[in-house]
Protein backbone atom coordinates (compact mmCIF):
# COMPACT_ATOMS: atom_id res chain seq x y z
CA MET A 1 -0.49 -12.37 5.09
CA ASN A 2 -3.24 -13.21 7.37
CA SER A 3 -6.77 -11.63 7.08
CA SER A 4 -6.06 -8.94 9.71
CA GLU A 5 -2.86 -7.79 7.86
CA ILE A 6 -4.72 -7.76 4.48
CA ALA A 7 -7.56 -5.76 6.10
CA ARG A 8 -5.09 -3.32 7.79
CA THR A 9 -3.24 -2.79 4.42
CA LEU A 10 -6.43 -2.06 2.48
CA ALA A 11 -7.69 0.07 5.39
CA GLU A 12 -4.69 2.33 5.22
CA LEU A 13 -5.40 2.90 1.49
CA GLY A 14 -9.00 3.44 2.12
CA ASN A 15 -8.25 6.97 3.48
CA GLU A 16 -7.96 9.53 0.75
CA THR A 17 -4.94 11.30 2.20
CA ARG A 18 -3.08 8.07 2.63
CA LEU A 19 -3.92 6.98 -0.79
CA ASP A 20 -2.67 10.46 -2.15
CA ILE A 21 0.57 9.89 -0.42
CA PHE A 22 0.95 6.39 -1.69
CA ARG A 23 0.17 7.48 -5.26
CA ALA A 24 2.61 10.27 -5.09
CA LEU A 25 5.28 7.85 -3.79
CA ILE A 26 4.45 5.40 -6.69
CA LYS A 27 4.96 8.19 -9.19
CA LYS A 28 8.35 8.96 -7.88
CA GLY A 29 9.52 5.29 -8.06
CA SER A 30 12.76 4.30 -6.34
CA ASP A 31 13.84 7.90 -5.93
CA GLY A 32 11.05 8.33 -3.38
CA MET A 33 10.27 11.67 -1.75
CA CYS A 34 11.43 13.47 1.34
CA ILE A 35 8.80 14.11 4.00
CA SER A 36 8.87 17.91 3.36
CA ASP A 37 8.28 17.45 -0.39
CA ILE A 38 5.38 15.16 0.30
CA ARG A 39 3.88 17.83 2.62
CA ASP A 40 4.36 20.54 0.02
CA HIS A 41 2.97 18.45 -2.76
CA LEU A 42 -0.15 17.65 -0.86
CA SER A 43 -0.48 20.87 1.08
CA ILE A 44 -1.10 19.11 4.34
CA ALA A 45 0.17 20.08 7.90
CA ALA A 46 3.26 18.29 9.03
CA SER A 47 1.44 16.75 12.11
CA THR A 48 -1.28 15.31 9.76
CA LEU A 49 1.34 13.89 7.46
CA ALA A 50 3.31 12.26 10.29
CA PHE A 51 0.10 10.57 11.36
CA HIS A 52 -0.62 9.25 7.89
CA LEU A 53 2.98 8.13 7.17
CA LYS A 54 2.93 6.31 10.52
CA GLY A 55 0.05 4.06 9.43
CA LEU A 56 1.45 3.54 5.92
CA THR A 57 4.97 2.56 7.28
CA GLU A 58 3.51 0.34 10.07
CA CYS A 59 1.58 -1.87 7.64
CA GLY A 60 4.42 -2.02 5.26
CA LEU A 61 3.12 0.01 2.30
CA ILE A 62 5.95 2.51 2.51
CA THR A 63 9.57 2.40 3.69
CA GLN A 64 11.47 5.15 5.18
CA GLU A 65 15.28 5.87 5.00
CA LYS A 66 17.32 8.54 6.86
CA ALA A 67 19.57 10.53 4.36
CA GLY A 68 21.36 13.06 6.33
CA ARG A 69 18.83 15.30 7.87
CA GLN A 70 15.95 14.14 5.63
CA THR A 71 13.78 11.06 5.60
CA ILE A 72 13.15 9.64 2.23
CA CYS A 73 9.83 7.77 1.88
CA ARG A 74 9.29 5.10 -0.91
CA ALA A 75 6.32 3.09 -1.93
CA ASN A 76 6.67 -0.59 -1.23
CA LEU A 77 4.74 -2.05 -4.07
CA GLU A 78 5.60 -5.61 -3.04
CA CYS A 79 3.28 -5.26 0.07
CA LEU A 80 0.35 -4.11 -2.22
CA THR A 81 1.14 -6.78 -4.83
CA THR A 82 1.17 -9.53 -2.05
CA VAL A 83 -2.22 -8.35 -0.86
CA LEU A 84 -3.72 -8.40 -4.36
CA ARG A 85 -2.05 -11.75 -5.43
CA GLN A 86 -3.44 -13.46 -2.11
CA LEU A 87 -6.98 -12.10 -2.92
CA GLU A 88 -6.74 -13.30 -6.61
CA GLU A 89 -5.67 -16.62 -5.63
CA GLU A 90 -8.73 -17.02 -3.49
CA CYS A 91 -11.01 -15.88 -6.30
CA CYS A 92 -13.65 -18.46 -7.06
CA SER A 93 -12.04 -21.00 -4.72
CA ASP A 94 -15.46 -21.91 -3.24
CA GLN A 95 -17.24 -21.97 -6.57
CA GLU A 96 -18.54 -25.39 -7.38
CA VAL A 97 -17.37 -26.90 -10.61
CA SER A 98 -20.21 -28.43 -12.64
CA ALA A 99 -19.97 -31.99 -13.96
CA HIS A 100 -19.51 -30.70 -17.57
CA GLU A 101 -16.54 -28.45 -16.62
CA ARG A 102 -15.05 -31.40 -14.76
CA ASP A 103 -15.42 -33.69 -17.77
CA THR A 104 -13.90 -31.21 -20.15
CA ALA A 105 -10.89 -30.23 -17.88
């Protein structure tokens, strides 16, 4: 992931409603939730939910699958894990290593 993709992913989760949607989907696991259940669970308007689901889907944090007349949403934890791993790998990468640390390594 490049920096703009990481920023977009984190920005999507920086909104309280989108974070609530993502957390609800995480709790449901691979079963996911249909859109109407998410709406009822969070007590938000359908148009508001559609707006937030669009952002979460576009950045890859959730997937959607048609099941008859319903759309099932699922959290894509791999997307979030990828972002966190990439940030973790960069942790302290510019930190200078002291001569003592080099000698004992």
